[in-house]
ModelCIF file with pLDDT and N, C-alpha, C, O atoms, coordinates in Angstrom:
data_MODEL
#
_entry.id   MODEL 
#
_entity.id                         1 
_entity.type                       polymer 
_entity.pdbx_number_of_molecules   1 
#
_entity_poly.entity_id                      1 
_entity_poly.type                           'polypeptide(L)' 
_entity_poly.nstd_linkage                   no 
_entity_poly.nstd_monomer                   no 
_entity_poly.pdbx_seq_one_letter_code       
;(UNK)(UNK)(UNK)(UNK)(UNK)(UNK)(UNK)(UNK)(UNK)(UNK)(UNK)(UNK)(UNK)(UNK)(UNK)(UNK)
(UNK)(UNK)(UNK)(UNK)(UNK)(UNK)(UNK)(UNK)(UNK)(UNK)(UNK)(UNK)(UNK)(UNK)(UNK)(UNK)
(UNK)(UNK)(UNK)(UNK)(UNK)(UNK)(UNK)
;
_entity_poly.pdbx_seq_one_letter_code_can   XXXXXXXXXXXXXXXXXXXXXXXXXXXXXXXXXXXXXXX 
_entity_poly.pdbx_strand_id                 A 
#
loop_
_entity_poly_seq.entity_id 
_entity_poly_seq.num 
_entity_poly_seq.mon_id 
_entity_poly_seq.hetero 
1 1  UNK n 
1 2  UNK n 
1 3  UNK n 
1 4  UNK n 
1 5  UNK n 
1 6  UNK n 
1 7  UNK n 
1 8  UNK n 
1 9  UNK n 
1 10 UNK n 
1 11 UNK n 
1 12 UNK n 
1 13 UNK n 
1 14 UNK n 
1 15 UNK n 
1 16 UNK n 
1 17 UNK n 
1 18 UNK n 
1 19 UNK n 
1 20 UNK n 
1 21 UNK n 
1 22 UNK n 
1 23 UNK n 
1 24 UNK n 
1 25 UNK n 
1 26 UNK n 
1 27 UNK n 
1 28 UNK n 
1 29 UNK n 
1 30 UNK n 
1 31 UNK n 
1 32 UNK n 
1 33 UNK n 
1 34 UNK n 
1 35 UNK n 
1 36 UNK n 
1 37 UNK n 
1 38 UNK n 
1 39 UNK n 
#
_struct_asym.id          A 
_struct_asym.entity_id   1 
#
loop_
_ma_qa_metric.id 
_ma_qa_metric.mode 
_ma_qa_metric.name 
_ma_qa_metric.software_group_id 
_ma_qa_metric.type 
1 global pLDDT . pLDDT 
2 local  pLDDT . pLDDT 
#
_ma_qa_metric_global.metric_id      1 
_ma_qa_metric_global.metric_value   97.33 
_ma_qa_metric_global.model_id       1 
_ma_qa_metric_global.ordinal_id     1 
#
loop_
_ma_qa_metric_local.label_asym_id 
_ma_qa_metric_local.label_comp_id 
_ma_qa_metric_local.label_seq_id 
_ma_qa_metric_local.metric_id 
_ma_qa_metric_local.metric_value 
_ma_qa_metric_local.model_id 
_ma_qa_metric_local.ordinal_id 
A UNK 1  2 97.00 1 1  
A UNK 2  2 96.00 1 2  
A UNK 3  2 96.00 1 3  
A UNK 4  2 97.00 1 4  
A UNK 5  2 95.00 1 5  
A UNK 6  2 93.00 1 6  
A UNK 7  2 95.00 1 7  
A UNK 8  2 96.00 1 8  
A UNK 9  2 97.00 1 9  
A UNK 10 2 98.00 1 10 
A UNK 11 2 98.00 1 11 
A UNK 12 2 98.00 1 12 
A UNK 13 2 98.00 1 13 
A UNK 14 2 98.00 1 14 
A UNK 15 2 98.00 1 15 
A UNK 16 2 98.00 1 16 
A UNK 17 2 98.00 1 17 
A UNK 18 2 98.00 1 18 
A UNK 19 2 98.00 1 19 
A UNK 20 2 98.00 1 20 
A UNK 21 2 98.00 1 21 
A UNK 22 2 98.00 1 22 
A UNK 23 2 98.00 1 23 
A UNK 24 2 98.00 1 24 
A UNK 25 2 98.00 1 25 
A UNK 26 2 97.00 1 26 
A UNK 27 2 97.00 1 27 
A UNK 28 2 98.00 1 28 
A UNK 29 2 97.00 1 29 
A UNK 30 2 98.00 1 30 
A UNK 31 2 98.00 1 31 
A UNK 32 2 98.00 1 32 
A UNK 33 2 98.00 1 33 
A UNK 34 2 98.00 1 34 
A UNK 35 2 98.00 1 35 
A UNK 36 2 98.00 1 36 
A UNK 37 2 97.00 1 37 
A UNK 38 2 97.00 1 38 
A UNK 39 2 97.00 1 39 
#
loop_
_atom_site.group_PDB 
_atom_site.id 
_atom_site.type_symbol 
_atom_site.label_atom_id 
_atom_site.label_alt_id 
_atom_site.label_comp_id 
_atom_site.label_asym_id 
_atom_site.label_entity_id 
_atom_site.label_seq_id 
_atom_site.pdbx_PDB_ins_code 
_atom_site.Cartn_x 
_atom_site.Cartn_y 
_atom_site.Cartn_z 
_atom_site.occupancy 
_atom_site.B_iso_or_equiv 
_atom_site.pdbx_formal_charge 
_atom_site.auth_seq_id 
_atom_site.auth_comp_id 
_atom_site.auth_asym_id 
_atom_site.auth_atom_id 
_atom_site.pdbx_PDB_model_num 
ATOM 1   N N  . UNK A 1 1  ? 97.101  108.423 92.662  1.00 97.00 ? 1  UNK A N  1 
ATOM 2   C CA . UNK A 1 1  ? 98.551  108.227 93.803  1.00 97.00 ? 1  UNK A CA 1 
ATOM 3   C C  . UNK A 1 1  ? 97.920  107.167 95.194  1.00 97.00 ? 1  UNK A C  1 
ATOM 4   O O  . UNK A 1 1  ? 98.606  106.265 95.675  1.00 97.00 ? 1  UNK A O  1 
ATOM 5   N N  . UNK A 1 2  ? 96.821  107.432 95.568  1.00 96.00 ? 2  UNK A N  1 
ATOM 6   C CA . UNK A 1 2  ? 96.508  106.544 97.133  1.00 96.00 ? 2  UNK A CA 1 
ATOM 7   C C  . UNK A 1 2  ? 96.024  104.999 96.283  1.00 96.00 ? 2  UNK A C  1 
ATOM 8   O O  . UNK A 1 2  ? 95.964  104.031 97.042  1.00 96.00 ? 2  UNK A O  1 
ATOM 9   N N  . UNK A 1 3  ? 95.722  104.753 94.949  1.00 96.00 ? 3  UNK A N  1 
ATOM 10  C CA . UNK A 1 3  ? 95.978  103.370 94.666  1.00 96.00 ? 3  UNK A CA 1 
ATOM 11  C C  . UNK A 1 3  ? 97.092  102.939 94.743  1.00 96.00 ? 3  UNK A C  1 
ATOM 12  O O  . UNK A 1 3  ? 97.474  102.241 95.682  1.00 96.00 ? 3  UNK A O  1 
ATOM 13  N N  . UNK A 1 4  ? 97.914  103.338 93.615  1.00 97.00 ? 4  UNK A N  1 
ATOM 14  C CA . UNK A 1 4  ? 99.073  103.147 93.714  1.00 97.00 ? 4  UNK A CA 1 
ATOM 15  C C  . UNK A 1 4  ? 100.540 102.893 94.844  1.00 97.00 ? 4  UNK A C  1 
ATOM 16  O O  . UNK A 1 4  ? 101.671 102.420 94.731  1.00 97.00 ? 4  UNK A O  1 
ATOM 17  N N  . UNK A 1 5  ? 99.722  103.511 95.910  1.00 95.00 ? 5  UNK A N  1 
ATOM 18  C CA . UNK A 1 5  ? 100.425 103.530 97.318  1.00 95.00 ? 5  UNK A CA 1 
ATOM 19  C C  . UNK A 1 5  ? 99.932  102.137 97.696  1.00 95.00 ? 5  UNK A C  1 
ATOM 20  O O  . UNK A 1 5  ? 100.363 101.883 98.820  1.00 95.00 ? 5  UNK A O  1 
ATOM 21  N N  . UNK A 1 6  ? 99.433  101.451 97.364  1.00 93.00 ? 6  UNK A N  1 
ATOM 22  C CA . UNK A 1 6  ? 98.725  99.587  97.732  1.00 93.00 ? 6  UNK A CA 1 
ATOM 23  C C  . UNK A 1 6  ? 99.737  98.703  97.271  1.00 93.00 ? 6  UNK A C  1 
ATOM 24  O O  . UNK A 1 6  ? 99.972  97.603  97.772  1.00 93.00 ? 6  UNK A O  1 
ATOM 25  N N  . UNK A 1 7  ? 100.450 99.309  96.109  1.00 95.00 ? 7  UNK A N  1 
ATOM 26  C CA . UNK A 1 7  ? 101.215 98.160  95.114  1.00 95.00 ? 7  UNK A CA 1 
ATOM 27  C C  . UNK A 1 7  ? 102.620 98.458  95.883  1.00 95.00 ? 7  UNK A C  1 
ATOM 28  O O  . UNK A 1 7  ? 103.165 99.532  96.135  1.00 95.00 ? 7  UNK A O  1 
ATOM 29  N N  . UNK A 1 8  ? 103.019 97.076  96.172  1.00 96.00 ? 8  UNK A N  1 
ATOM 30  C CA . UNK A 1 8  ? 104.355 97.101  96.409  1.00 96.00 ? 8  UNK A CA 1 
ATOM 31  C C  . UNK A 1 8  ? 105.358 96.870  95.569  1.00 96.00 ? 8  UNK A C  1 
ATOM 32  O O  . UNK A 1 8  ? 106.463 97.257  95.951  1.00 96.00 ? 8  UNK A O  1 
ATOM 33  N N  . UNK A 1 9  ? 105.268 96.203  94.238  1.00 97.00 ? 9  UNK A N  1 
ATOM 34  C CA . UNK A 1 9  ? 106.340 96.653  93.542  1.00 97.00 ? 9  UNK A CA 1 
ATOM 35  C C  . UNK A 1 9  ? 105.607 97.349  92.242  1.00 97.00 ? 9  UNK A C  1 
ATOM 36  O O  . UNK A 1 9  ? 104.600 97.024  91.613  1.00 97.00 ? 9  UNK A O  1 
ATOM 37  N N  . UNK A 1 10 ? 106.525 98.429  92.104  1.00 98.00 ? 10 UNK A N  1 
ATOM 38  C CA . UNK A 1 10 ? 106.227 99.322  91.059  1.00 98.00 ? 10 UNK A CA 1 
ATOM 39  C C  . UNK A 1 10 ? 107.283 99.814  90.169  1.00 98.00 ? 10 UNK A C  1 
ATOM 40  O O  . UNK A 1 10 ? 108.186 100.539 90.588  1.00 98.00 ? 10 UNK A O  1 
ATOM 41  N N  . UNK A 1 11 ? 107.169 99.355  88.698  1.00 98.00 ? 11 UNK A N  1 
ATOM 42  C CA . UNK A 1 11 ? 108.402 99.661  87.794  1.00 98.00 ? 11 UNK A CA 1 
ATOM 43  C C  . UNK A 1 11 ? 108.078 100.843 86.948  1.00 98.00 ? 11 UNK A C  1 
ATOM 44  O O  . UNK A 1 11 ? 107.031 101.155 86.380  1.00 98.00 ? 11 UNK A O  1 
ATOM 45  N N  . UNK A 1 12 ? 109.514 101.556 87.025  1.00 98.00 ? 12 UNK A N  1 
ATOM 46  C CA . UNK A 1 12 ? 108.790 102.382 86.010  1.00 98.00 ? 12 UNK A CA 1 
ATOM 47  C C  . UNK A 1 12 ? 109.962 102.775 84.940  1.00 98.00 ? 12 UNK A C  1 
ATOM 48  O O  . UNK A 1 12 ? 111.129 102.999 85.259  1.00 98.00 ? 12 UNK A O  1 
ATOM 49  N N  . UNK A 1 13 ? 109.403 102.822 83.524  1.00 98.00 ? 13 UNK A N  1 
ATOM 50  C CA . UNK A 1 13 ? 110.700 103.573 82.495  1.00 98.00 ? 13 UNK A CA 1 
ATOM 51  C C  . UNK A 1 13 ? 110.193 104.729 81.984  1.00 98.00 ? 13 UNK A C  1 
ATOM 52  O O  . UNK A 1 13 ? 109.017 104.851 81.644  1.00 98.00 ? 13 UNK A O  1 
ATOM 53  N N  . UNK A 1 14 ? 111.350 105.930 81.883  1.00 98.00 ? 14 UNK A N  1 
ATOM 54  C CA . UNK A 1 14 ? 110.943 107.249 82.271  1.00 98.00 ? 14 UNK A CA 1 
ATOM 55  C C  . UNK A 1 14 ? 112.028 107.617 81.575  1.00 98.00 ? 14 UNK A C  1 
ATOM 56  O O  . UNK A 1 14 ? 113.082 107.144 82.000  1.00 98.00 ? 14 UNK A O  1 
ATOM 57  N N  . UNK A 1 15 ? 112.154 108.901 79.849  1.00 98.00 ? 15 UNK A N  1 
ATOM 58  C CA . UNK A 1 15 ? 113.453 109.858 80.079  1.00 98.00 ? 15 UNK A CA 1 
ATOM 59  C C  . UNK A 1 15 ? 113.104 111.507 80.119  1.00 98.00 ? 15 UNK A C  1 
ATOM 60  O O  . UNK A 1 15 ? 113.558 112.515 79.577  1.00 98.00 ? 15 UNK A O  1 
ATOM 61  N N  . UNK A 1 16 ? 111.825 111.130 81.263  1.00 98.00 ? 16 UNK A N  1 
ATOM 62  C CA . UNK A 1 16 ? 111.807 112.733 81.715  1.00 98.00 ? 16 UNK A CA 1 
ATOM 63  C C  . UNK A 1 16 ? 112.201 113.521 82.954  1.00 98.00 ? 16 UNK A C  1 
ATOM 64  O O  . UNK A 1 16 ? 112.569 112.829 83.903  1.00 98.00 ? 16 UNK A O  1 
ATOM 65  N N  . UNK A 1 17 ? 112.194 114.429 83.072  1.00 98.00 ? 17 UNK A N  1 
ATOM 66  C CA . UNK A 1 17 ? 112.479 115.133 84.200  1.00 98.00 ? 17 UNK A CA 1 
ATOM 67  C C  . UNK A 1 17 ? 111.147 115.451 84.894  1.00 98.00 ? 17 UNK A C  1 
ATOM 68  O O  . UNK A 1 17 ? 110.831 116.591 84.553  1.00 98.00 ? 17 UNK A O  1 
ATOM 69  N N  . UNK A 1 18 ? 110.189 114.900 85.764  1.00 98.00 ? 18 UNK A N  1 
ATOM 70  C CA . UNK A 1 18 ? 108.920 115.047 85.485  1.00 98.00 ? 18 UNK A CA 1 
ATOM 71  C C  . UNK A 1 18 ? 108.562 115.641 87.176  1.00 98.00 ? 18 UNK A C  1 
ATOM 72  O O  . UNK A 1 18 ? 107.403 115.607 87.588  1.00 98.00 ? 18 UNK A O  1 
ATOM 73  N N  . UNK A 1 19 ? 109.652 116.141 88.005  1.00 98.00 ? 19 UNK A N  1 
ATOM 74  C CA . UNK A 1 19 ? 109.437 116.671 89.005  1.00 98.00 ? 19 UNK A CA 1 
ATOM 75  C C  . UNK A 1 19 ? 108.803 117.985 88.837  1.00 98.00 ? 19 UNK A C  1 
ATOM 76  O O  . UNK A 1 19 ? 108.244 118.510 89.800  1.00 98.00 ? 19 UNK A O  1 
ATOM 77  N N  . UNK A 1 20 ? 108.839 118.476 87.853  1.00 98.00 ? 20 UNK A N  1 
ATOM 78  C CA . UNK A 1 20 ? 107.621 119.562 88.298  1.00 98.00 ? 20 UNK A CA 1 
ATOM 79  C C  . UNK A 1 20 ? 106.378 119.141 88.460  1.00 98.00 ? 20 UNK A C  1 
ATOM 80  O O  . UNK A 1 20 ? 105.773 119.848 89.266  1.00 98.00 ? 20 UNK A O  1 
ATOM 81  N N  . UNK A 1 21 ? 105.716 118.220 87.993  1.00 98.00 ? 21 UNK A N  1 
ATOM 82  C CA . UNK A 1 21 ? 104.637 117.669 88.205  1.00 98.00 ? 21 UNK A CA 1 
ATOM 83  C C  . UNK A 1 21 ? 104.344 116.863 89.303  1.00 98.00 ? 21 UNK A C  1 
ATOM 84  O O  . UNK A 1 21 ? 103.183 116.527 89.538  1.00 98.00 ? 21 UNK A O  1 
ATOM 85  N N  . UNK A 1 22 ? 105.429 116.468 90.106  1.00 98.00 ? 22 UNK A N  1 
ATOM 86  C CA . UNK A 1 22 ? 105.059 116.451 91.409  1.00 98.00 ? 22 UNK A CA 1 
ATOM 87  C C  . UNK A 1 22 ? 104.307 117.177 91.985  1.00 98.00 ? 22 UNK A C  1 
ATOM 88  O O  . UNK A 1 22 ? 103.157 117.049 92.405  1.00 98.00 ? 22 UNK A O  1 
ATOM 89  N N  . UNK A 1 23 ? 105.472 118.449 91.984  1.00 98.00 ? 23 UNK A N  1 
ATOM 90  C CA . UNK A 1 23 ? 104.720 119.415 92.184  1.00 98.00 ? 23 UNK A CA 1 
ATOM 91  C C  . UNK A 1 23 ? 103.476 120.040 92.520  1.00 98.00 ? 23 UNK A C  1 
ATOM 92  O O  . UNK A 1 23 ? 103.048 120.665 93.490  1.00 98.00 ? 23 UNK A O  1 
ATOM 93  N N  . UNK A 1 24 ? 103.033 119.671 91.411  1.00 98.00 ? 24 UNK A N  1 
ATOM 94  C CA . UNK A 1 24 ? 101.456 120.126 91.599  1.00 98.00 ? 24 UNK A CA 1 
ATOM 95  C C  . UNK A 1 24 ? 100.042 118.889 91.851  1.00 98.00 ? 24 UNK A C  1 
ATOM 96  O O  . UNK A 1 24 ? 98.842  118.988 91.594  1.00 98.00 ? 24 UNK A O  1 
ATOM 97  N N  . UNK A 1 25 ? 100.746 117.920 92.375  1.00 98.00 ? 25 UNK A N  1 
ATOM 98  C CA . UNK A 1 25 ? 100.263 117.294 93.366  1.00 98.00 ? 25 UNK A CA 1 
ATOM 99  C C  . UNK A 1 25 ? 99.879  117.298 94.634  1.00 98.00 ? 25 UNK A C  1 
ATOM 100 O O  . UNK A 1 25 ? 100.533 116.994 95.631  1.00 98.00 ? 25 UNK A O  1 
ATOM 101 N N  . UNK A 1 26 ? 98.438  117.774 94.510  1.00 97.00 ? 26 UNK A N  1 
ATOM 102 C CA . UNK A 1 26 ? 98.325  118.216 96.019  1.00 97.00 ? 26 UNK A CA 1 
ATOM 103 C C  . UNK A 1 26 ? 98.719  117.760 97.556  1.00 97.00 ? 26 UNK A C  1 
ATOM 104 O O  . UNK A 1 26 ? 99.078  118.427 98.526  1.00 97.00 ? 26 UNK A O  1 
ATOM 105 N N  . UNK A 1 27 ? 98.450  115.989 97.328  1.00 97.00 ? 27 UNK A N  1 
ATOM 106 C CA . UNK A 1 27 ? 98.933  115.563 98.358  1.00 97.00 ? 27 UNK A CA 1 
ATOM 107 C C  . UNK A 1 27 ? 100.338 115.753 99.301  1.00 97.00 ? 27 UNK A C  1 
ATOM 108 O O  . UNK A 1 27 ? 100.713 115.775 100.474 1.00 97.00 ? 27 UNK A O  1 
ATOM 109 N N  . UNK A 1 28 ? 100.896 115.889 97.715  1.00 98.00 ? 28 UNK A N  1 
ATOM 110 C CA . UNK A 1 28 ? 102.470 116.106 98.155  1.00 98.00 ? 28 UNK A CA 1 
ATOM 111 C C  . UNK A 1 28 ? 103.577 117.689 98.344  1.00 98.00 ? 28 UNK A C  1 
ATOM 112 O O  . UNK A 1 28 ? 104.752 118.039 98.451  1.00 98.00 ? 28 UNK A O  1 
ATOM 113 N N  . UNK A 1 29 ? 102.130 118.230 98.282  1.00 97.00 ? 29 UNK A N  1 
ATOM 114 C CA . UNK A 1 29 ? 102.667 119.775 98.242  1.00 97.00 ? 29 UNK A CA 1 
ATOM 115 C C  . UNK A 1 29 ? 103.682 120.063 99.815  1.00 97.00 ? 29 UNK A C  1 
ATOM 116 O O  . UNK A 1 29 ? 104.847 120.435 99.677  1.00 97.00 ? 29 UNK A O  1 
ATOM 117 N N  . UNK A 1 30 ? 103.114 119.853 101.199 1.00 98.00 ? 30 UNK A N  1 
ATOM 118 C CA . UNK A 1 30 ? 103.448 119.938 102.257 1.00 98.00 ? 30 UNK A CA 1 
ATOM 119 C C  . UNK A 1 30 ? 104.666 119.289 102.145 1.00 98.00 ? 30 UNK A C  1 
ATOM 120 O O  . UNK A 1 30 ? 105.651 120.021 102.052 1.00 98.00 ? 30 UNK A O  1 
ATOM 121 N N  . UNK A 1 31 ? 104.832 118.110 102.131 1.00 98.00 ? 31 UNK A N  1 
ATOM 122 C CA . UNK A 1 31 ? 106.017 117.480 101.751 1.00 98.00 ? 31 UNK A CA 1 
ATOM 123 C C  . UNK A 1 31 ? 107.481 118.272 101.516 1.00 98.00 ? 31 UNK A C  1 
ATOM 124 O O  . UNK A 1 31 ? 108.413 118.736 102.172 1.00 98.00 ? 31 UNK A O  1 
ATOM 125 N N  . UNK A 1 32 ? 107.023 118.101 100.086 1.00 98.00 ? 32 UNK A N  1 
ATOM 126 C CA . UNK A 1 32 ? 107.920 119.195 99.210  1.00 98.00 ? 32 UNK A CA 1 
ATOM 127 C C  . UNK A 1 32 ? 108.643 120.228 99.203  1.00 98.00 ? 32 UNK A C  1 
ATOM 128 O O  . UNK A 1 32 ? 109.770 120.393 98.736  1.00 98.00 ? 32 UNK A O  1 
ATOM 129 N N  . UNK A 1 33 ? 107.591 121.301 100.027 1.00 98.00 ? 33 UNK A N  1 
ATOM 130 C CA . UNK A 1 33 ? 107.522 122.578 100.356 1.00 98.00 ? 33 UNK A CA 1 
ATOM 131 C C  . UNK A 1 33 ? 108.476 122.561 101.562 1.00 98.00 ? 33 UNK A C  1 
ATOM 132 O O  . UNK A 1 33 ? 109.358 123.403 101.727 1.00 98.00 ? 33 UNK A O  1 
ATOM 133 N N  . UNK A 1 34 ? 108.217 121.493 102.422 1.00 98.00 ? 34 UNK A N  1 
ATOM 134 C CA . UNK A 1 34 ? 110.075 120.993 103.720 1.00 98.00 ? 34 UNK A CA 1 
ATOM 135 C C  . UNK A 1 34 ? 110.941 120.668 103.225 1.00 98.00 ? 34 UNK A C  1 
ATOM 136 O O  . UNK A 1 34 ? 111.964 121.311 103.462 1.00 98.00 ? 34 UNK A O  1 
ATOM 137 N N  . UNK A 1 35 ? 111.009 119.774 102.492 1.00 98.00 ? 35 UNK A N  1 
ATOM 138 C CA . UNK A 1 35 ? 112.184 119.065 101.618 1.00 98.00 ? 35 UNK A CA 1 
ATOM 139 C C  . UNK A 1 35 ? 113.151 120.459 101.025 1.00 98.00 ? 35 UNK A C  1 
ATOM 140 O O  . UNK A 1 35 ? 114.246 120.912 101.358 1.00 98.00 ? 35 UNK A O  1 
ATOM 141 N N  . UNK A 1 36 ? 112.134 120.846 99.995  1.00 98.00 ? 36 UNK A N  1 
ATOM 142 C CA . UNK A 1 36 ? 112.633 121.978 99.449  1.00 98.00 ? 36 UNK A CA 1 
ATOM 143 C C  . UNK A 1 36 ? 112.171 123.508 99.516  1.00 98.00 ? 36 UNK A C  1 
ATOM 144 O O  . UNK A 1 36 ? 111.652 123.975 98.502  1.00 98.00 ? 36 UNK A O  1 
ATOM 145 N N  . UNK A 1 37 ? 112.296 124.161 100.428 1.00 97.00 ? 37 UNK A N  1 
ATOM 146 C CA . UNK A 1 37 ? 112.042 126.006 100.751 1.00 97.00 ? 37 UNK A CA 1 
ATOM 147 C C  . UNK A 1 37 ? 112.408 126.510 99.730  1.00 97.00 ? 37 UNK A C  1 
ATOM 148 O O  . UNK A 1 37 ? 111.827 127.540 99.389  1.00 97.00 ? 37 UNK A O  1 
ATOM 149 N N  . UNK A 1 38 ? 113.633 125.907 98.766  1.00 97.00 ? 38 UNK A N  1 
ATOM 150 C CA . UNK A 1 38 ? 114.002 126.552 97.551  1.00 97.00 ? 38 UNK A CA 1 
ATOM 151 C C  . UNK A 1 38 ? 113.686 126.174 96.382  1.00 97.00 ? 38 UNK A C  1 
ATOM 152 O O  . UNK A 1 38 ? 114.543 125.520 95.787  1.00 97.00 ? 38 UNK A O  1 
ATOM 153 N N  . UNK A 1 39 ? 112.633 126.399 95.816  1.00 97.00 ? 39 UNK A N  1 
ATOM 154 C CA . UNK A 1 39 ? 111.877 125.300 94.801  1.00 97.00 ? 39 UNK A CA 1 
ATOM 155 C C  . UNK A 1 39 ? 113.263 124.891 94.012  1.00 97.00 ? 39 UNK A C  1 
ATOM 156 O O  . UNK A 1 39 ? 113.235 124.057 93.107  1.00 97.00 ? 39 UNK A O  1 
#
């Protein structure tokens, strides 16, 4: 994620609801907790 942050254009193809795995990325933990106190 640190590397991808530097890339101006990202293109994503997915058919998944990958939100649960975003909650397992340590650098996102505090922000997600603030956004969604009720997970």
